[in-house]
Amino acid sequence: MLKLADNPPIRPASIGSVADLDGDWWVAHTKARNEKAFAWDLHEKDIPWFIPMLQKVTFSGGRKRHGLVPLFTSYVFFNGTAVDRQTALSTKRLCQAIQVINRTQFVNELVALERAIESNMTLDTAPFAAVGKRCRVTAGPLEGIEGIVTKRDGVTRLFLQVSMLGAGSSLEISPDLLEPAE
């Protein structure tokens, strides 16, 4: 059974959406398997974060186990000031914290992931940037988000990219719900 106490929320409960945050965004490159602990550290220090996670089922010792795993291994996104960055670095859980330059694009990309997770869409990790046509979702819970259309196993998918990482995730979607974003 999934122990919720082990998993931080994807963002602080006091934040409605990552789009509501005004400070600078930072991409925290954590030490191996420190993503959740780092998010809890940020929680204790009252620094807003975003850690997209996926439900994962594994089999171990003949038992079925459920857990949440970070969508982007070794990365957590946080928002704040240069002082908050120093506080984050003082946790000793980071390799580095990279400031986001194109804030608008970055926030739009995080909002797309946030909405997909909250809509309980099935996401697959995609560790590389997809090549294809940029499209916008025209209806449903993801209406208005943009991504790159890809095909995988004959199924149309929408790739949601985080440019700062050169990575993203993809979700299955009907081509009828897409329109060109240009």
N, C-alpha and C. Protein backbone atom coordinates (compact mmCIF):
# COMPACT_ATOMS: atom_id res chain seq x y z
N MET A 1 0.84 -1.19 0.00
CA MET A 1 0.00 0.00 0.00
C MET A 1 0.88 1.24 0.00
N LEU A 2 0.45 2.26 -0.68
CA LEU A 2 1.19 3.51 -0.81
C LEU A 2 1.16 4.28 0.50
N LYS A 3 2.33 4.64 1.03
CA LYS A 3 2.42 5.45 2.23
C LYS A 3 2.53 6.90 1.81
N LEU A 4 1.47 7.66 2.02
CA LEU A 4 1.45 9.05 1.58
C LEU A 4 2.47 9.90 2.32
N ALA A 5 2.81 9.54 3.57
CA ALA A 5 3.77 10.33 4.34
C ALA A 5 5.15 10.33 3.70
N ASP A 6 5.46 9.29 2.91
CA ASP A 6 6.76 9.22 2.26
C ASP A 6 6.86 10.15 1.05
N ASN A 7 5.71 10.54 0.52
CA ASN A 7 5.68 11.32 -0.70
C ASN A 7 5.24 12.75 -0.44
N PRO A 8 6.05 13.71 -0.85
CA PRO A 8 5.59 15.10 -0.73
C PRO A 8 4.50 15.36 -1.78
N PRO A 9 3.67 16.38 -1.55
CA PRO A 9 2.74 16.75 -2.62
C PRO A 9 3.53 17.29 -3.81
N ILE A 10 2.90 17.35 -4.99
CA ILE A 10 3.63 17.83 -6.17
C ILE A 10 3.99 19.31 -6.04
N ARG A 11 3.24 20.04 -5.20
CA ARG A 11 3.53 21.45 -4.90
C ARG A 11 2.91 21.74 -3.54
N PRO A 12 3.28 22.85 -2.89
CA PRO A 12 2.69 23.16 -1.58
C PRO A 12 1.17 23.27 -1.67
N ALA A 13 0.48 22.82 -0.63
CA ALA A 13 -0.98 22.85 -0.60
C ALA A 13 -1.51 24.28 -0.67
N SER A 14 -0.73 25.25 -0.25
CA SER A 14 -1.18 26.64 -0.25
C SER A 14 -1.15 27.27 -1.65
N ILE A 15 -0.57 26.58 -2.62
CA ILE A 15 -0.44 27.09 -3.98
C ILE A 15 -1.49 26.41 -4.87
N GLY A 16 -2.32 27.20 -5.55
CA GLY A 16 -3.32 26.64 -6.45
C GLY A 16 -2.71 26.06 -7.72
N SER A 17 -1.68 26.74 -8.24
CA SER A 17 -1.02 26.32 -9.47
C SER A 17 0.38 26.93 -9.49
N VAL A 18 1.28 26.30 -10.20
CA VAL A 18 2.62 26.87 -10.32
C VAL A 18 2.57 28.22 -11.02
N ALA A 19 1.53 28.47 -11.79
CA ALA A 19 1.37 29.75 -12.48
C ALA A 19 1.13 30.90 -11.51
N ASP A 20 0.72 30.58 -10.27
CA ASP A 20 0.43 31.61 -9.27
C ASP A 20 1.68 32.17 -8.60
N LEU A 21 2.83 31.56 -8.81
CA LEU A 21 4.06 31.97 -8.14
C LEU A 21 4.77 33.08 -8.92
N ASP A 22 5.23 34.11 -8.20
CA ASP A 22 5.82 35.28 -8.85
C ASP A 22 7.35 35.30 -8.87
N GLY A 23 8.01 34.56 -8.02
CA GLY A 23 9.46 34.65 -7.90
C GLY A 23 10.20 34.04 -9.08
N ASP A 24 11.52 33.98 -8.95
CA ASP A 24 12.36 33.35 -9.96
C ASP A 24 12.22 31.83 -9.84
N TRP A 25 12.32 31.15 -10.97
CA TRP A 25 12.28 29.69 -10.98
C TRP A 25 13.70 29.15 -11.08
N TRP A 26 13.92 28.04 -10.38
CA TRP A 26 15.21 27.36 -10.37
C TRP A 26 14.98 25.88 -10.67
N VAL A 27 15.89 25.29 -11.43
CA VAL A 27 15.88 23.85 -11.68
C VAL A 27 16.93 23.27 -10.75
N ALA A 28 16.47 22.48 -9.78
CA ALA A 28 17.37 21.88 -8.80
C ALA A 28 17.78 20.49 -9.29
N HIS A 29 19.05 20.32 -9.52
CA HIS A 29 19.59 19.01 -9.89
C HIS A 29 20.03 18.35 -8.58
N THR A 30 19.25 17.35 -8.15
CA THR A 30 19.51 16.74 -6.86
C THR A 30 20.54 15.61 -6.96
N LYS A 31 21.09 15.25 -5.83
CA LYS A 31 21.90 14.05 -5.76
C LYS A 31 20.97 12.86 -6.02
N ALA A 32 21.53 11.72 -6.34
CA ALA A 32 20.73 10.54 -6.69
C ALA A 32 19.72 10.20 -5.61
N ARG A 33 18.48 9.98 -6.03
CA ARG A 33 17.36 9.57 -5.19
C ARG A 33 17.12 10.52 -4.01
N ASN A 34 17.30 11.82 -4.24
CA ASN A 34 17.06 12.81 -3.19
C ASN A 34 15.90 13.75 -3.53
N GLU A 35 15.16 13.46 -4.58
CA GLU A 35 14.12 14.38 -5.03
C GLU A 35 13.05 14.62 -3.97
N LYS A 36 12.51 13.55 -3.40
CA LYS A 36 11.43 13.69 -2.42
C LYS A 36 11.94 14.32 -1.13
N ALA A 37 13.10 13.89 -0.67
CA ALA A 37 13.66 14.46 0.56
C ALA A 37 13.93 15.96 0.37
N PHE A 38 14.40 16.34 -0.81
CA PHE A 38 14.65 17.75 -1.09
C PHE A 38 13.34 18.53 -1.09
N ALA A 39 12.28 17.96 -1.67
CA ALA A 39 10.97 18.64 -1.65
C ALA A 39 10.49 18.83 -0.21
N TRP A 40 10.70 17.82 0.64
CA TRP A 40 10.32 17.97 2.05
C TRP A 40 11.17 19.05 2.72
N ASP A 41 12.46 19.13 2.37
CA ASP A 41 13.32 20.20 2.92
C ASP A 41 12.77 21.57 2.53
N LEU A 42 12.37 21.72 1.25
CA LEU A 42 11.80 22.98 0.80
C LEU A 42 10.50 23.29 1.54
N HIS A 43 9.71 22.25 1.79
CA HIS A 43 8.46 22.41 2.54
C HIS A 43 8.75 22.98 3.94
N GLU A 44 9.74 22.41 4.61
CA GLU A 44 10.11 22.87 5.96
C GLU A 44 10.62 24.30 5.95
N LYS A 45 11.23 24.72 4.86
CA LYS A 45 11.81 26.07 4.76
C LYS A 45 10.85 27.06 4.09
N ASP A 46 9.63 26.59 3.80
CA ASP A 46 8.58 27.43 3.20
C ASP A 46 8.99 28.02 1.85
N ILE A 47 9.67 27.20 1.04
CA ILE A 47 10.07 27.58 -0.32
C ILE A 47 9.19 26.79 -1.28
N PRO A 48 8.42 27.45 -2.15
CA PRO A 48 7.54 26.72 -3.07
C PRO A 48 8.32 25.85 -4.06
N TRP A 49 7.79 24.66 -4.35
CA TRP A 49 8.42 23.71 -5.25
C TRP A 49 7.38 23.08 -6.16
N PHE A 50 7.86 22.38 -7.18
CA PHE A 50 7.03 21.55 -8.04
C PHE A 50 7.82 20.30 -8.37
N ILE A 51 7.26 19.15 -8.02
CA ILE A 51 7.90 17.87 -8.31
C ILE A 51 6.86 16.96 -8.97
N PRO A 52 6.83 16.93 -10.30
CA PRO A 52 5.87 16.05 -10.97
C PRO A 52 6.23 14.58 -10.71
N MET A 53 5.23 13.81 -10.27
CA MET A 53 5.46 12.39 -9.96
C MET A 53 4.41 11.52 -10.64
N LEU A 54 4.81 10.29 -10.92
CA LEU A 54 3.95 9.30 -11.56
C LEU A 54 3.72 8.11 -10.63
N GLN A 55 2.55 7.53 -10.71
CA GLN A 55 2.24 6.30 -9.98
C GLN A 55 2.99 5.15 -10.66
N LYS A 56 3.67 4.33 -9.88
CA LYS A 56 4.41 3.20 -10.43
C LYS A 56 4.09 1.95 -9.63
N VAL A 57 3.86 0.86 -10.33
CA VAL A 57 3.60 -0.43 -9.69
C VAL A 57 4.80 -1.32 -9.96
N THR A 58 5.35 -1.91 -8.89
CA THR A 58 6.47 -2.84 -9.02
C THR A 58 6.13 -4.13 -8.29
N PHE A 59 6.82 -5.17 -8.65
CA PHE A 59 6.65 -6.46 -7.98
C PHE A 59 7.97 -6.80 -7.32
N SER A 60 7.92 -7.07 -6.02
CA SER A 60 9.12 -7.37 -5.26
C SER A 60 8.77 -8.36 -4.16
N GLY A 61 9.52 -9.40 -4.05
CA GLY A 61 9.26 -10.40 -3.03
C GLY A 61 7.89 -11.04 -3.15
N GLY A 62 7.42 -11.17 -4.39
CA GLY A 62 6.12 -11.77 -4.63
C GLY A 62 4.94 -10.86 -4.30
N ARG A 63 5.23 -9.59 -4.00
CA ARG A 63 4.17 -8.65 -3.64
C ARG A 63 4.10 -7.51 -4.65
N LYS A 64 2.89 -7.02 -4.84
CA LYS A 64 2.66 -5.88 -5.70
C LYS A 64 2.80 -4.62 -4.85
N ARG A 65 3.65 -3.71 -5.28
CA ARG A 65 3.89 -2.48 -4.51
C ARG A 65 3.58 -1.26 -5.36
N HIS A 66 2.91 -0.30 -4.74
CA HIS A 66 2.56 0.95 -5.40
C HIS A 66 3.46 2.05 -4.85
N GLY A 67 3.86 2.95 -5.71
CA GLY A 67 4.68 4.07 -5.27
C GLY A 67 4.62 5.22 -6.25
N LEU A 68 5.07 6.36 -5.80
CA LEU A 68 5.18 7.52 -6.66
C LEU A 68 6.65 7.73 -6.97
N VAL A 69 6.95 7.95 -8.24
CA VAL A 69 8.33 8.21 -8.65
C VAL A 69 8.37 9.54 -9.39
N PRO A 70 9.45 10.30 -9.19
CA PRO A 70 9.56 11.57 -9.91
C PRO A 70 9.57 11.35 -11.42
N LEU A 71 8.87 12.21 -12.12
CA LEU A 71 8.83 12.14 -13.58
C LEU A 71 10.22 12.39 -14.15
N PHE A 72 10.94 13.34 -13.57
CA PHE A 72 12.30 13.67 -14.02
C PHE A 72 13.27 13.28 -12.91
N THR A 73 13.94 12.17 -13.11
CA THR A 73 14.89 11.69 -12.11
C THR A 73 15.95 12.74 -11.82
N SER A 74 16.14 13.01 -10.54
CA SER A 74 17.15 13.96 -10.02
C SER A 74 16.82 15.43 -10.26
N TYR A 75 15.56 15.76 -10.53
CA TYR A 75 15.19 17.16 -10.73
C TYR A 75 13.93 17.54 -9.95
N VAL A 76 14.01 18.71 -9.32
CA VAL A 76 12.88 19.34 -8.65
C VAL A 76 12.93 20.81 -9.05
N PHE A 77 11.78 21.42 -9.23
CA PHE A 77 11.71 22.83 -9.61
C PHE A 77 11.28 23.63 -8.38
N PHE A 78 11.95 24.76 -8.12
CA PHE A 78 11.51 25.58 -7.00
C PHE A 78 11.50 27.05 -7.39
N ASN A 79 10.78 27.82 -6.58
CA ASN A 79 10.50 29.22 -6.89
C ASN A 79 10.91 30.08 -5.70
N GLY A 80 11.56 31.19 -5.98
CA GLY A 80 11.94 32.07 -4.88
C GLY A 80 12.97 33.10 -5.30
N THR A 81 13.76 33.49 -4.32
CA THR A 81 14.78 34.52 -4.50
C THR A 81 16.16 33.89 -4.51
N ALA A 82 17.18 34.73 -4.67
CA ALA A 82 18.56 34.25 -4.60
C ALA A 82 18.85 33.71 -3.19
N VAL A 83 18.22 34.29 -2.18
CA VAL A 83 18.39 33.80 -0.80
C VAL A 83 17.77 32.40 -0.68
N ASP A 84 16.59 32.20 -1.30
CA ASP A 84 15.97 30.87 -1.29
C ASP A 84 16.86 29.85 -2.00
N ARG A 85 17.53 30.28 -3.05
CA ARG A 85 18.46 29.39 -3.76
C ARG A 85 19.59 28.97 -2.82
N GLN A 86 20.14 29.92 -2.08
CA GLN A 86 21.21 29.61 -1.13
C GLN A 86 20.71 28.67 -0.04
N THR A 87 19.50 28.89 0.42
CA THR A 87 18.89 28.02 1.43
C THR A 87 18.74 26.61 0.86
N ALA A 88 18.28 26.51 -0.38
CA ALA A 88 18.13 25.20 -1.03
C ALA A 88 19.48 24.50 -1.16
N LEU A 89 20.49 25.24 -1.55
CA LEU A 89 21.83 24.65 -1.68
C LEU A 89 22.37 24.19 -0.34
N SER A 90 21.98 24.84 0.74
CA SER A 90 22.48 24.49 2.08
C SER A 90 21.91 23.16 2.58
N THR A 91 20.92 22.59 1.88
CA THR A 91 20.35 21.30 2.29
C THR A 91 21.33 20.16 2.04
N LYS A 92 22.34 20.40 1.25
CA LYS A 92 23.35 19.37 0.89
C LYS A 92 22.76 18.23 0.07
N ARG A 93 21.58 18.46 -0.53
CA ARG A 93 20.95 17.45 -1.38
C ARG A 93 21.09 17.78 -2.86
N LEU A 94 21.71 18.91 -3.19
CA LEU A 94 21.79 19.37 -4.58
C LEU A 94 23.19 19.28 -5.14
N CYS A 95 23.23 19.02 -6.45
CA CYS A 95 24.48 19.16 -7.21
C CYS A 95 24.60 20.61 -7.67
N GLN A 96 23.45 21.15 -8.13
CA GLN A 96 23.43 22.55 -8.57
C GLN A 96 21.99 23.04 -8.67
N ALA A 97 21.85 24.35 -8.73
CA ALA A 97 20.54 24.98 -8.94
C ALA A 97 20.71 25.96 -10.10
N ILE A 98 19.97 25.71 -11.17
CA ILE A 98 20.10 26.49 -12.40
C ILE A 98 18.92 27.44 -12.50
N GLN A 99 19.21 28.73 -12.67
CA GLN A 99 18.14 29.71 -12.79
C GLN A 99 17.50 29.62 -14.17
N VAL A 100 16.18 29.70 -14.20
CA VAL A 100 15.42 29.67 -15.45
C VAL A 100 15.47 31.06 -16.06
N ILE A 101 15.86 31.17 -17.32
CA ILE A 101 15.96 32.45 -18.01
C ILE A 101 14.63 32.83 -18.65
N ASN A 102 14.03 31.93 -19.42
CA ASN A 102 12.76 32.21 -20.08
C ASN A 102 11.62 31.76 -19.19
N ARG A 103 11.28 32.60 -18.22
CA ARG A 103 10.29 32.27 -17.19
C ARG A 103 8.92 31.93 -17.78
N THR A 104 8.44 32.72 -18.73
CA THR A 104 7.11 32.52 -19.30
C THR A 104 7.00 31.15 -19.95
N GLN A 105 7.95 30.79 -20.79
CA GLN A 105 7.92 29.48 -21.44
C GLN A 105 8.00 28.36 -20.41
N PHE A 106 8.88 28.50 -19.43
CA PHE A 106 9.07 27.48 -18.41
C PHE A 106 7.79 27.26 -17.61
N VAL A 107 7.15 28.34 -17.17
CA VAL A 107 5.92 28.22 -16.40
C VAL A 107 4.82 27.58 -17.24
N ASN A 108 4.72 27.94 -18.50
CA ASN A 108 3.72 27.31 -19.39
C ASN A 108 3.95 25.81 -19.50
N GLU A 109 5.20 25.41 -19.59
CA GLU A 109 5.53 23.98 -19.69
C GLU A 109 5.19 23.25 -18.39
N LEU A 110 5.48 23.88 -17.24
CA LEU A 110 5.14 23.26 -15.96
C LEU A 110 3.63 23.18 -15.77
N VAL A 111 2.91 24.21 -16.18
CA VAL A 111 1.44 24.20 -16.07
C VAL A 111 0.86 23.06 -16.90
N ALA A 112 1.41 22.82 -18.09
CA ALA A 112 0.92 21.71 -18.93
C ALA A 112 1.11 20.38 -18.20
N LEU A 113 2.27 20.17 -17.59
CA LEU A 113 2.51 18.94 -16.83
C LEU A 113 1.59 18.86 -15.62
N GLU A 114 1.45 19.96 -14.92
CA GLU A 114 0.61 20.03 -13.73
C GLU A 114 -0.84 19.64 -14.07
N ARG A 115 -1.35 20.19 -15.14
CA ARG A 115 -2.73 19.89 -15.56
C ARG A 115 -2.88 18.43 -15.99
N ALA A 116 -1.89 17.90 -16.68
CA ALA A 116 -1.95 16.50 -17.11
C ALA A 116 -1.95 15.57 -15.90
N ILE A 117 -1.13 15.86 -14.90
CA ILE A 117 -1.07 15.04 -13.69
C ILE A 117 -2.38 15.13 -12.93
N GLU A 118 -2.89 16.34 -12.76
CA GLU A 118 -4.13 16.53 -12.00
C GLU A 118 -5.35 15.95 -12.72
N SER A 119 -5.27 15.80 -14.03
CA SER A 119 -6.37 15.21 -14.80
C SER A 119 -6.28 13.69 -14.84
N ASN A 120 -5.30 13.15 -14.11
CA ASN A 120 -5.08 11.70 -14.04
C ASN A 120 -4.82 11.09 -15.41
N MET A 121 -4.16 11.84 -16.28
CA MET A 121 -3.77 11.31 -17.58
C MET A 121 -2.61 10.35 -17.36
N THR A 122 -2.51 9.34 -18.22
CA THR A 122 -1.40 8.41 -18.15
C THR A 122 -0.21 9.01 -18.87
N LEU A 123 0.84 9.28 -18.13
CA LEU A 123 2.05 9.87 -18.69
C LEU A 123 3.14 8.81 -18.78
N ASP A 124 3.94 8.89 -19.81
CA ASP A 124 5.14 8.07 -19.95
C ASP A 124 6.31 9.03 -19.94
N THR A 125 7.42 8.63 -19.34
CA THR A 125 8.59 9.47 -19.41
C THR A 125 9.15 9.43 -20.82
N ALA A 126 9.68 10.54 -21.26
CA ALA A 126 10.28 10.63 -22.59
C ALA A 126 11.58 11.42 -22.42
N PRO A 127 12.71 10.75 -22.39
CA PRO A 127 13.96 11.39 -22.04
C PRO A 127 14.64 12.19 -23.16
N PHE A 128 13.93 12.51 -24.20
CA PHE A 128 14.52 13.28 -25.28
C PHE A 128 13.46 14.16 -25.90
N ALA A 129 13.89 15.20 -26.57
CA ALA A 129 12.94 16.11 -27.23
C ALA A 129 12.39 15.43 -28.48
N ALA A 130 11.07 15.47 -28.61
CA ALA A 130 10.42 14.85 -29.77
C ALA A 130 10.47 15.79 -30.96
N VAL A 131 10.51 15.20 -32.13
CA VAL A 131 10.48 15.98 -33.36
C VAL A 131 9.09 15.79 -33.97
N GLY A 132 8.43 16.87 -34.32
CA GLY A 132 7.10 16.77 -34.90
C GLY A 132 6.41 18.11 -34.88
N LYS A 133 5.15 18.10 -35.10
CA LYS A 133 4.37 19.32 -35.20
C LYS A 133 3.86 19.76 -33.83
N ARG A 134 3.98 21.06 -33.57
CA ARG A 134 3.47 21.63 -32.32
C ARG A 134 1.97 21.83 -32.46
N CYS A 135 1.21 21.27 -31.49
CA CYS A 135 -0.24 21.35 -31.53
C CYS A 135 -0.81 21.78 -30.19
N ARG A 136 -2.06 22.21 -30.24
CA ARG A 136 -2.80 22.66 -29.06
C ARG A 136 -4.00 21.75 -28.86
N VAL A 137 -4.32 21.42 -27.60
CA VAL A 137 -5.50 20.61 -27.29
C VAL A 137 -6.72 21.53 -27.35
N THR A 138 -7.77 21.09 -28.06
CA THR A 138 -8.93 21.94 -28.31
C THR A 138 -10.10 21.71 -27.35
N ALA A 139 -10.11 20.62 -26.61
CA ALA A 139 -11.24 20.34 -25.71
C ALA A 139 -10.79 19.41 -24.60
N GLY A 140 -11.61 19.31 -23.56
CA GLY A 140 -11.34 18.40 -22.46
C GLY A 140 -10.54 19.07 -21.36
N PRO A 141 -10.09 18.29 -20.37
CA PRO A 141 -9.40 18.86 -19.22
C PRO A 141 -8.05 19.49 -19.56
N LEU A 142 -7.49 19.15 -20.71
CA LEU A 142 -6.19 19.70 -21.12
C LEU A 142 -6.33 20.81 -22.16
N GLU A 143 -7.53 21.30 -22.38
CA GLU A 143 -7.77 22.33 -23.40
C GLU A 143 -6.80 23.49 -23.23
N GLY A 144 -6.18 23.86 -24.35
CA GLY A 144 -5.27 25.01 -24.38
C GLY A 144 -3.80 24.68 -24.20
N ILE A 145 -3.45 23.50 -23.66
CA ILE A 145 -2.03 23.20 -23.51
C ILE A 145 -1.45 22.82 -24.86
N GLU A 146 -0.15 23.07 -25.01
CA GLU A 146 0.54 22.79 -26.26
C GLU A 146 1.63 21.76 -26.05
N GLY A 147 1.89 21.02 -27.11
CA GLY A 147 2.96 20.04 -27.09
C GLY A 147 3.28 19.60 -28.50
N ILE A 148 4.19 18.66 -28.61
CA ILE A 148 4.63 18.13 -29.90
C ILE A 148 3.95 16.79 -30.12
N VAL A 149 3.36 16.62 -31.29
CA VAL A 149 2.69 15.36 -31.60
C VAL A 149 3.73 14.32 -31.99
N THR A 150 3.59 13.13 -31.41
CA THR A 150 4.47 12.00 -31.72
C THR A 150 3.61 10.76 -31.91
N LYS A 151 4.20 9.73 -32.42
CA LYS A 151 3.54 8.42 -32.53
C LYS A 151 4.40 7.42 -31.78
N ARG A 152 3.75 6.54 -31.04
CA ARG A 152 4.46 5.48 -30.33
C ARG A 152 3.59 4.25 -30.37
N ASP A 153 4.11 3.18 -30.92
CA ASP A 153 3.35 1.94 -31.08
C ASP A 153 2.04 2.18 -31.82
N GLY A 154 2.07 3.09 -32.80
CA GLY A 154 0.90 3.38 -33.60
C GLY A 154 -0.14 4.25 -32.91
N VAL A 155 0.18 4.76 -31.73
CA VAL A 155 -0.76 5.58 -30.96
C VAL A 155 -0.29 7.03 -31.00
N THR A 156 -1.23 7.96 -31.22
CA THR A 156 -0.90 9.38 -31.21
C THR A 156 -0.68 9.82 -29.77
N ARG A 157 0.40 10.55 -29.56
CA ARG A 157 0.75 11.03 -28.23
C ARG A 157 1.11 12.50 -28.32
N LEU A 158 0.94 13.21 -27.22
CA LEU A 158 1.32 14.61 -27.14
C LEU A 158 2.50 14.70 -26.18
N PHE A 159 3.60 15.22 -26.67
CA PHE A 159 4.83 15.35 -25.89
C PHE A 159 4.82 16.69 -25.17
N LEU A 160 4.90 16.67 -23.83
CA LEU A 160 4.96 17.87 -23.01
C LEU A 160 6.41 18.03 -22.58
N GLN A 161 7.04 19.08 -23.04
CA GLN A 161 8.47 19.24 -22.88
C GLN A 161 8.81 20.28 -21.82
N VAL A 162 9.91 20.04 -21.09
CA VAL A 162 10.52 21.03 -20.22
C VAL A 162 11.87 21.34 -20.85
N SER A 163 11.93 22.46 -21.58
CA SER A 163 13.11 22.80 -22.38
C SER A 163 14.39 22.86 -21.57
N MET A 164 14.30 23.37 -20.33
CA MET A 164 15.50 23.50 -19.49
C MET A 164 16.17 22.15 -19.26
N LEU A 165 15.39 21.07 -19.25
CA LEU A 165 15.96 19.74 -19.02
C LEU A 165 16.26 19.00 -20.31
N GLY A 166 15.66 19.46 -21.42
CA GLY A 166 15.78 18.70 -22.65
C GLY A 166 15.05 17.38 -22.53
N ALA A 167 13.99 17.37 -21.71
CA ALA A 167 13.23 16.15 -21.46
C ALA A 167 11.76 16.51 -21.32
N GLY A 168 10.94 15.50 -21.18
CA GLY A 168 9.52 15.74 -21.02
C GLY A 168 8.80 14.43 -20.82
N SER A 169 7.51 14.46 -21.03
CA SER A 169 6.70 13.26 -20.93
C SER A 169 5.65 13.31 -22.02
N SER A 170 5.07 12.16 -22.30
CA SER A 170 4.05 12.14 -23.34
C SER A 170 2.80 11.46 -22.81
N LEU A 171 1.67 11.84 -23.39
CA LEU A 171 0.41 11.24 -23.00
C LEU A 171 -0.37 10.87 -24.25
N GLU A 172 -1.18 9.83 -24.12
CA GLU A 172 -2.00 9.39 -25.25
C GLU A 172 -3.14 10.38 -25.43
N ILE A 173 -3.41 10.71 -26.69
CA ILE A 173 -4.48 11.67 -26.98
C ILE A 173 -5.08 11.38 -28.35
N SER A 174 -6.35 11.67 -28.49
CA SER A 174 -7.02 11.48 -29.77
C SER A 174 -6.61 12.61 -30.71
N PRO A 175 -6.25 12.30 -31.95
CA PRO A 175 -5.89 13.36 -32.91
C PRO A 175 -7.04 14.34 -33.16
N ASP A 176 -8.28 13.92 -32.90
CA ASP A 176 -9.43 14.80 -33.07
C ASP A 176 -9.42 15.97 -32.11
N LEU A 177 -8.66 15.88 -31.03
CA LEU A 177 -8.62 16.94 -30.02
C LEU A 177 -7.48 17.93 -30.24
N LEU A 178 -6.78 17.81 -31.38
CA LEU A 178 -5.60 18.64 -31.62
C LEU A 178 -5.81 19.58 -32.79
N GLU A 179 -5.17 20.76 -32.67
CA GLU A 179 -5.13 21.72 -33.76
C GLU A 179 -3.71 22.28 -33.82
N PRO A 180 -3.28 22.75 -34.99
CA PRO A 180 -1.94 23.34 -35.09
C PRO A 180 -1.82 24.54 -34.14
N ALA A 181 -0.66 24.67 -33.49
CA ALA A 181 -0.45 25.75 -32.52
C ALA A 181 0.08 27.01 -33.18
N GLU A 182 0.51 26.95 -34.42
CA GLU A 182 1.09 28.12 -35.08
C GLU A 182 0.05 29.15 -35.38
